[in-house]
PDB file of N, CA and C in Angstrom:
ATOM      1  N   MET A   1      -6.209  -6.773  -0.056  1.00  0.00           N
ATOM      2  CA  MET A   1      -4.927  -7.254  -0.355  1.00  0.00           C
ATOM      3  C   MET A   1      -4.247  -7.679   0.936  1.00  0.00           C
ATOM      4  N   GLN A   2      -3.297  -8.549   0.784  1.00  0.00           N
ATOM      5  CA  GLN A   2      -2.605  -9.092   1.978  1.00  0.00           C
ATOM      6  C   GLN A   2      -1.114  -9.129   1.650  1.00  0.00           C
ATOM      7  N   TYR A   3      -0.353  -9.138   2.759  1.00  0.00           N
ATOM      8  CA  TYR A   3       1.086  -9.342   2.654  1.00  0.00           C
ATOM      9  C   TYR A   3       1.349 -10.785   2.314  1.00  0.00           C
ATOM     10  N   GLY A   4       2.606 -11.141   2.060  1.00  0.00           N
ATOM     11  CA  GLY A   4       2.931 -12.530   1.722  1.00  0.00           C
ATOM     12  C   GLY A   4       2.623 -13.490   2.824  1.00  0.00           C
ATOM     13  N   ASP A   5       2.608 -13.066   4.117  1.00  0.00           N
ATOM     14  CA  ASP A   5       2.290 -13.863   5.255  1.00  0.00           C
ATOM     15  C   ASP A   5       0.867 -14.017   5.598  1.00  0.00           C
ATOM     16  N   GLY A   6      -0.023 -13.356   4.733  1.00  0.00           N
ATOM     17  CA  GLY A   6      -1.428 -13.448   4.901  1.00  0.00           C
ATOM     18  C   GLY A   6      -2.046 -12.308   5.761  1.00  0.00           C
ATOM     19  N   THR A   7      -1.281 -11.483   6.336  1.00  0.00           N
ATOM     20  CA  THR A   7      -1.761 -10.345   7.093  1.00  0.00           C
ATOM     21  C   THR A   7      -2.369  -9.280   6.219  1.00  0.00           C
ATOM     22  N   ASP A   8      -3.492  -8.727   6.632  1.00  0.00           N
ATOM     23  CA  ASP A   8      -4.219  -7.710   5.722  1.00  0.00           C
ATOM     24  C   ASP A   8      -3.431  -6.426   5.713  1.00  0.00           C
ATOM     25  N   VAL A   9      -3.308  -5.806   4.525  1.00  0.00           N
ATOM     26  CA  VAL A   9      -2.719  -4.542   4.285  1.00  0.00           C
ATOM     27  C   VAL A   9      -3.706  -3.495   4.846  1.00  0.00           C
ATOM     28  N   ARG A  10      -3.138  -2.523   5.552  1.00  0.00           N
ATOM     29  CA  ARG A  10      -3.982  -1.317   6.006  1.00  0.00           C
ATOM     30  C   ARG A  10      -3.324  -0.044   5.635  1.00  0.00           C
ATOM     31  N   LEU A  11      -4.156   0.929   5.510  1.00  0.00           N
ATOM     32  CA  LEU A  11      -3.735   2.339   5.120  1.00  0.00           C
ATOM     33  C   LEU A  11      -2.754   2.832   6.138  1.00  0.00           C
ATOM     34  N   GLY A  12      -1.607   3.358   5.750  1.00  0.00           N
ATOM     35  CA  GLY A  12      -0.613   3.953   6.567  1.00  0.00           C
ATOM     36  C   GLY A  12       0.474   2.938   7.024  1.00  0.00           C
ATOM     37  N   ASP A  13       0.266   1.667   6.705  1.00  0.00           N
ATOM     38  CA  ASP A  13       1.303   0.682   7.057  1.00  0.00           C
ATOM     39  C   ASP A  13       2.685   1.092   6.487  1.00  0.00           C
ATOM     40  N   ARG A  14       3.771   0.938   7.272  1.00  0.00           N
ATOM     41  CA  ARG A  14       5.078   1.029   6.753  1.00  0.00           C
ATOM     42  C   ARG A  14       5.510  -0.297   6.239  1.00  0.00           C
ATOM     43  N   ILE A  15       6.094  -0.341   5.034  1.00  0.00           N
ATOM     44  CA  ILE A  15       6.362  -1.581   4.437  1.00  0.00           C
ATOM     45  C   ILE A  15       7.749  -1.611   3.857  1.00  0.00           C
ATOM     46  N   ARG A  16       8.176  -2.809   3.401  1.00  0.00           N
ATOM     47  CA  ARG A  16       9.475  -3.032   2.728  1.00  0.00           C
ATOM     48  C   ARG A  16       9.325  -4.081   1.689  1.00  0.00           C
ATOM     49  N   TYR A  17       9.940  -3.972   0.545  1.00  0.00           N
ATOM     50  CA  TYR A  17      10.075  -5.001  -0.345  1.00  0.00           C
ATOM     51  C   TYR A  17      11.501  -4.887  -0.996  1.00  0.00           C
ATOM     52  N   GLY A  18      12.252  -5.923  -0.913  1.00  0.00           N
ATOM     53  CA  GLY A  18      13.653  -5.830  -1.320  1.00  0.00           C
ATOM     54  C   GLY A  18      14.394  -4.800  -0.529  1.00  0.00           C
ATOM     55  N   ASP A  19      14.993  -3.801  -1.262  1.00  0.00           N
ATOM     56  CA  ASP A  19      15.687  -2.636  -0.533  1.00  0.00           C
ATOM     57  C   ASP A  19      14.815  -1.402  -0.588  1.00  0.00           C
ATOM     58  N   VAL A  20      13.576  -1.481  -0.947  1.00  0.00           N
ATOM     59  CA  VAL A  20      12.691  -0.392  -0.983  1.00  0.00           C
ATOM     60  C   VAL A  20      11.813  -0.312   0.230  1.00  0.00           C
ATOM     61  N   GLU A  21      11.621   0.914   0.784  1.00  0.00           N
ATOM     62  CA  GLU A  21      10.702   1.146   1.944  1.00  0.00           C
ATOM     63  C   GLU A  21       9.690   2.152   1.506  1.00  0.00           C
ATOM     64  N   GLY A  22       8.566   2.083   2.255  1.00  0.00           N
ATOM     65  CA  GLY A  22       7.530   3.024   1.927  1.00  0.00           C
ATOM     66  C   GLY A  22       6.354   2.873   2.881  1.00  0.00           C
ATOM     67  N   HIS A  23       5.213   3.536   2.487  1.00  0.00           N
ATOM     68  CA  HIS A  23       4.065   3.388   3.271  1.00  0.00           C
ATOM     69  C   HIS A  23       2.828   3.323   2.352  1.00  0.00           C
ATOM     70  N   ILE A  24       1.784   2.713   2.793  1.00  0.00           N
ATOM     71  CA  ILE A  24       0.465   2.575   2.131  1.00  0.00           C
ATOM     72  C   ILE A  24      -0.297   3.859   2.077  1.00  0.00           C
ATOM     73  N   VAL A  25      -0.519   4.376   0.867  1.00  0.00           N
ATOM     74  CA  VAL A  25      -1.281   5.635   0.802  1.00  0.00           C
ATOM     75  C   VAL A  25      -2.685   5.494   0.240  1.00  0.00           C
ATOM     76  N   CYS A  26      -2.927   4.302  -0.393  1.00  0.00           N
ATOM     77  CA  CYS A  26      -4.281   3.933  -0.849  1.00  0.00           C
ATOM     78  C   CYS A  26      -4.415   2.487  -0.637  1.00  0.00           C
ATOM     79  N   ASN A  27      -5.553   2.065  -0.116  1.00  0.00           N
ATOM     80  CA  ASN A  27      -5.957   0.582  -0.079  1.00  0.00           C
ATOM     81  C   ASN A  27      -7.170   0.593  -0.919  1.00  0.00           C
ATOM     82  N   ILE A  28      -7.075   0.404  -2.207  1.00  0.00           N
ATOM     83  CA  ILE A  28      -8.205   0.387  -3.156  1.00  0.00           C
ATOM     84  C   ILE A  28      -9.146  -0.706  -2.802  1.00  0.00           C
ATOM     85  N   ASP A  29      -8.624  -1.886  -2.502  1.00  0.00           N
ATOM     86  CA  ASP A  29      -9.512  -3.014  -2.150  1.00  0.00           C
ATOM     87  C   ASP A  29     -10.339  -2.624  -0.925  1.00  0.00           C
ATOM     88  N   GLY A  30      -9.739  -2.083   0.041  1.00  0.00           N
ATOM     89  CA  GLY A  30     -10.446  -1.718   1.254  1.00  0.00           C
ATOM     90  C   GLY A  30     -11.160  -0.319   1.275  1.00  0.00           C
ATOM     91  N   LYS A  31     -11.111   0.349   0.080  1.00  0.00           N
ATOM     92  CA  LYS A  31     -11.697   1.629  -0.084  1.00  0.00           C
ATOM     93  C   LYS A  31     -11.216   2.640   1.004  1.00  0.00           C
ATOM     94  N   GLU A  32      -9.911   2.637   1.235  1.00  0.00           N
ATOM     95  CA  GLU A  32      -9.252   3.514   2.168  1.00  0.00           C
ATOM     96  C   GLU A  32      -8.215   4.361   1.386  1.00  0.00           C
ATOM     97  N   TYR A  33      -8.325   5.733   1.698  1.00  0.00           N
ATOM     98  CA  TYR A  33      -7.465   6.682   0.943  1.00  0.00           C
ATOM     99  C   TYR A  33      -6.991   7.743   1.901  1.00  0.00           C
ATOM    100  N   THR A  34      -5.740   8.197   1.747  1.00  0.00           N
ATOM    101  CA  THR A  34      -5.309   9.375   2.516  1.00  0.00           C
ATOM    102  C   THR A  34      -5.774  10.671   1.841  1.00  0.00           C
ATOM    103  N   PRO A  35      -5.847  11.758   2.620  1.00  0.00           N
ATOM    104  CA  PRO A  35      -6.270  13.022   2.002  1.00  0.00           C
ATOM    105  C   PRO A  35      -5.344  13.446   0.854  1.00  0.00           C
ATOM    106  N   ASP A  36      -4.019  13.097   0.854  1.00  0.00           N
ATOM    107  CA  ASP A  36      -3.190  13.429  -0.305  1.00  0.00           C
ATOM    108  C   ASP A  36      -3.357  12.561  -1.499  1.00  0.00           C
ATOM    109  N   PHE A  37      -4.030  11.401  -1.335  1.00  0.00           N
ATOM    110  CA  PHE A  37      -4.267  10.479  -2.442  1.00  0.00           C
ATOM    111  C   PHE A  37      -5.797  10.021  -2.359  1.00  0.00           C
ATOM    112  N   PRO A  38      -6.617  10.914  -2.749  1.00  0.00           N
ATOM    113  CA  PRO A  38      -8.096  10.666  -2.620  1.00  0.00           C
ATOM    114  C   PRO A  38      -8.681   9.725  -3.607  1.00  0.00           C
ATOM    115  N   ALA A  39      -9.810   9.122  -3.226  1.00  0.00           N
ATOM    116  CA  ALA A  39     -10.459   8.093  -3.977  1.00  0.00           C
ATOM    117  C   ALA A  39     -10.722   8.561  -5.424  1.00  0.00           C
ATOM    118  N   TYR A  40     -11.147   9.813  -5.586  1.00  0.00           N
ATOM    119  CA  TYR A  40     -11.521  10.258  -6.953  1.00  0.00           C
ATOM    120  C   TYR A  40     -10.303  10.201  -7.919  1.00  0.00           C
ATOM    121  N   ALA A  41      -9.077  10.279  -7.415  1.00  0.00           N
ATOM    122  CA  ALA A  41      -7.901  10.184  -8.154  1.00  0.00           C
ATOM    123  C   ALA A  41      -7.323   8.745  -8.450  1.00  0.00           C
ATOM    124  N   TRP A  42      -7.710   7.850  -7.608  1.00  0.00           N
ATOM    125  CA  TRP A  42      -7.054   6.537  -7.736  1.00  0.00           C
ATOM    126  C   TRP A  42      -7.995   5.350  -7.773  1.00  0.00           C
ATOM    127  N   ALA A  43      -9.235   5.512  -7.470  1.00  0.00           N
ATOM    128  CA  ALA A  43     -10.228   4.376  -7.517  1.00  0.00           C
ATOM    129  C   ALA A  43     -10.358   3.707  -8.872  1.00  0.00           C
ATOM    130  N   TYR A  44     -10.079   4.502  -9.933  1.00  0.00           N
ATOM    131  CA  TYR A  44     -10.197   3.953 -11.255  1.00  0.00           C
ATOM    132  C   TYR A  44      -9.281   2.764 -11.485  1.00  0.00           C
ATOM    133  N   LEU A  45      -8.284   2.627 -10.701  1.00  0.00           N
ATOM    134  CA  LEU A  45      -7.326   1.458 -10.847  1.00  0.00           C
ATOM    135  C   LEU A  45      -8.061   0.159 -10.515  1.00  0.00           C
ATOM    136  N   GLY A  46      -9.139   0.245  -9.727  1.00  0.00           N
ATOM    137  CA  GLY A  46     -10.033  -0.963  -9.590  1.00  0.00           C
ATOM    138  C   GLY A  46      -9.627  -1.878  -8.440  1.00  0.00           C
ATOM    139  N   ARG A  47      -8.334  -2.070  -8.180  1.00  0.00           N
ATOM    140  CA  ARG A  47      -7.918  -2.996  -7.188  1.00  0.00           C
ATOM    141  C   ARG A  47      -6.497  -2.735  -6.758  1.00  0.00           C
ATOM    142  N   GLY A  48      -6.127  -3.297  -5.607  1.00  0.00           N
ATOM    143  CA  GLY A  48      -4.756  -3.190  -5.125  1.00  0.00           C
ATOM    144  C   GLY A  48      -4.486  -2.155  -4.128  1.00  0.00           C
ATOM    145  N   ILE A  49      -3.233  -1.688  -4.120  1.00  0.00           N
ATOM    146  CA  ILE A  49      -2.796  -0.690  -3.160  1.00  0.00           C
ATOM    147  C   ILE A  49      -1.843   0.248  -3.893  1.00  0.00           C
ATOM    148  N   MET A  50      -1.677   1.444  -3.302  1.00  0.00           N
ATOM    149  CA  MET A  50      -0.627   2.382  -3.755  1.00  0.00           C
ATOM    150  C   MET A  50       0.370   2.625  -2.686  1.00  0.00           C
ATOM    151  N   ILE A  51       1.629   2.526  -3.026  1.00  0.00           N
ATOM    152  CA  ILE A  51       2.681   2.671  -2.064  1.00  0.00           C
ATOM    153  C   ILE A  51       3.564   3.841  -2.372  1.00  0.00           C
ATOM    154  N   GLU A  52       3.752   4.743  -1.416  1.00  0.00           N
ATOM    155  CA  GLU A  52       4.697   5.865  -1.644  1.00  0.00           C
ATOM    156  C   GLU A  52       5.995   5.329  -1.127  1.00  0.00           C
ATOM    157  N   THR A  53       7.042   5.291  -1.994  1.00  0.00           N
ATOM    158  CA  THR A  53       8.341   4.679  -1.664  1.00  0.00           C
ATOM    159  C   THR A  53       9.431   5.665  -1.581  1.00  0.00           C
ATOM    160  N   ASN A  54      10.525   5.337  -0.900  1.00  0.00           N
ATOM    161  CA  ASN A  54      11.705   6.167  -0.808  1.00  0.00           C
ATOM    162  C   ASN A  54      12.568   6.061  -2.065  1.00  0.00           C
ATOM    163  N   LYS A  55      12.350   5.060  -2.875  1.00  0.00           N
ATOM    164  CA  LYS A  55      13.217   4.832  -4.013  1.00  0.00           C
ATOM    165  C   LYS A  55      12.473   4.808  -5.373  1.00  0.00           C
ATOM    166  N   ASP A  56      11.322   4.265  -5.381  1.00  0.00           N
ATOM    167  CA  ASP A  56      10.629   4.133  -6.716  1.00  0.00           C
ATOM    168  C   ASP A  56       9.506   5.120  -6.853  1.00  0.00           C
ATOM    169  N   GLY A  57       9.252   6.077  -5.909  1.00  0.00           N
ATOM    170  CA  GLY A  57       8.140   7.011  -6.036  1.00  0.00           C
ATOM    171  C   GLY A  57       6.875   6.308  -5.679  1.00  0.00           C
ATOM    172  N   LEU A  58       5.808   6.564  -6.409  1.00  0.00           N
ATOM    173  CA  LEU A  58       4.507   6.032  -6.164  1.00  0.00           C
ATOM    174  C   LEU A  58       4.399   4.668  -6.989  1.00  0.00           C
ATOM    175  N   VAL A  59       4.033   3.631  -6.323  1.00  0.00           N
ATOM    176  CA  VAL A  59       3.935   2.329  -6.923  1.00  0.00           C
ATOM    177  C   VAL A  59       2.521   1.807  -6.777  1.00  0.00           C
ATOM    178  N   HIS A  60       1.936   1.332  -7.832  1.00  0.00           N
ATOM    179  CA  HIS A  60       0.580   0.583  -7.772  1.00  0.00           C
ATOM    180  C   HIS A  60       0.899  -0.937  -7.734  1.00  0.00           C
ATOM    181  N   CYS A  61       0.372  -1.545  -6.819  1.00  0.00           N
ATOM    182  CA  CYS A  61       0.494  -3.000  -6.706  1.00  0.00           C
ATOM    183  C   CYS A  61      -0.872  -3.615  -6.775  1.00  0.00           C
ATOM    184  N   ALA A  62      -1.167  -4.358  -7.800  1.00  0.00           N
ATOM    185  CA  ALA A  62      -2.501  -4.945  -8.072  1.00  0.00           C
ATOM    186  C   ALA A  62      -2.711  -6.370  -7.494  1.00  0.00           C
ATOM    187  N   ALA A  63      -1.599  -7.036  -7.258  1.00  0.00           N
ATOM    188  CA  ALA A  63      -1.669  -8.399  -6.726  1.00  0.00           C
ATOM    189  C   ALA A  63      -0.685  -8.501  -5.583  1.00  0.00           C
ATOM    190  N   THR A  64      -0.939  -9.566  -4.781  1.00  0.00           N
ATOM    191  CA  THR A  64      -0.114  -9.772  -3.586  1.00  0.00           C
ATOM    192  C   THR A  64       1.317 -10.034  -4.116  1.00  0.00           C
ATOM    193  N   MET A  65       2.241  -9.323  -3.441  1.00  0.00           N
ATOM    194  CA  MET A  65       3.671  -9.463  -3.709  1.00  0.00           C
ATOM    195  C   MET A  65       4.257 -10.334  -2.551  1.00  0.00           C
ATOM    196  N   GLU A  66       4.810 -11.457  -2.871  1.00  0.00           N
ATOM    197  CA  GLU A  66       5.377 -12.354  -1.883  1.00  0.00           C
ATOM    198  C   GLU A  66       6.420 -11.699  -0.966  1.00  0.00           C
ATOM    199  N   ASP A  67       7.146 -10.765  -1.524  1.00  0.00           N
ATOM    200  CA  ASP A  67       8.290 -10.121  -0.763  1.00  0.00           C
ATOM    201  C   ASP A  67       7.761  -8.825  -0.049  1.00  0.00           C
ATOM    202  N   LEU A  68       6.553  -8.427  -0.197  1.00  0.00           N
ATOM    203  CA  LEU A  68       5.990  -7.223   0.489  1.00  0.00           C
ATOM    204  C   LEU A  68       5.885  -7.582   2.005  1.00  0.00           C
ATOM    205  N   MET A  69       6.624  -6.816   2.838  1.00  0.00           N
ATOM    206  CA  MET A  69       6.611  -7.121   4.237  1.00  0.00           C
ATOM    207  C   MET A  69       6.119  -5.934   5.060  1.00  0.00           C
ATOM    208  N   LEU A  70       5.350  -6.215   6.061  1.00  0.00           N
ATOM    209  CA  LEU A  70       4.965  -5.195   6.996  1.00  0.00           C
ATOM    210  C   LEU A  70       6.093  -4.842   7.950  1.00  0.00           C
ATOM    211  N   VAL A  71       6.434  -3.603   8.053  1.00  0.00           N
ATOM    212  CA  VAL A  71       7.411  -3.135   8.989  1.00  0.00           C
ATOM    213  C   VAL A  71       6.750  -2.678  10.232  1.00  0.00           C
ATOM    214  N   SER A  72       5.697  -1.860  10.094  1.00  0.00           N
ATOM    215  CA  SER A  72       4.939  -1.414  11.284  1.00  0.00           C
ATOM    216  C   SER A  72       3.615  -0.877  10.901  1.00  0.00           C
ATOM    217  N   ARG A  73       2.612  -0.975  11.813  1.00  0.00           N
ATOM    218  CA  ARG A  73       1.289  -0.495  11.582  1.00  0.00           C
ATOM    219  C   ARG A  73       1.289   1.035  11.788  1.00  0.00           C
ATOM    220  N   ALA A  74       0.368   1.696  11.038  1.00  0.00           N
ATOM    221  CA  ALA A  74       0.256   3.126  11.348  1.00  0.00           C
ATOM    222  C   ALA A  74      -0.383   3.394  12.720  1.00  0.00           C
ATOM    223  N   THR A  75      -0.019   4.455  13.297  1.00  0.00           N
ATOM    224  CA  THR A  75      -0.670   4.805  14.602  1.00  0.00           C
ATOM    225  C   THR A  75      -1.877   5.672  14.299  1.00  0.00           C
ATOM    226  N   ALA A  76      -2.867   5.493  15.142  1.00  0.00           N
ATOM    227  CA  ALA A  76      -4.132   6.179  14.965  1.00  0.00           C
ATOM    228  C   ALA A  76      -3.982   7.710  15.170  1.00  0.00           C
TER     229      ALA A  76
END
């Protein structure tokens, strides 16, 4: 999955869409999962990303959202 500007989404990225902020907890397309959101619990969705947000809770995004913006990359 990619952001609206074509940049690849990565696990742990801090993001924003509209007035919602959050971070990527699963990158199903990239087969990346955090310990709190493991593959066995979320891979069944088949594609997309999971975003833990400050406003909407946990959000599954299966297609590129044009207004999904990268705020900052996760630190290693």
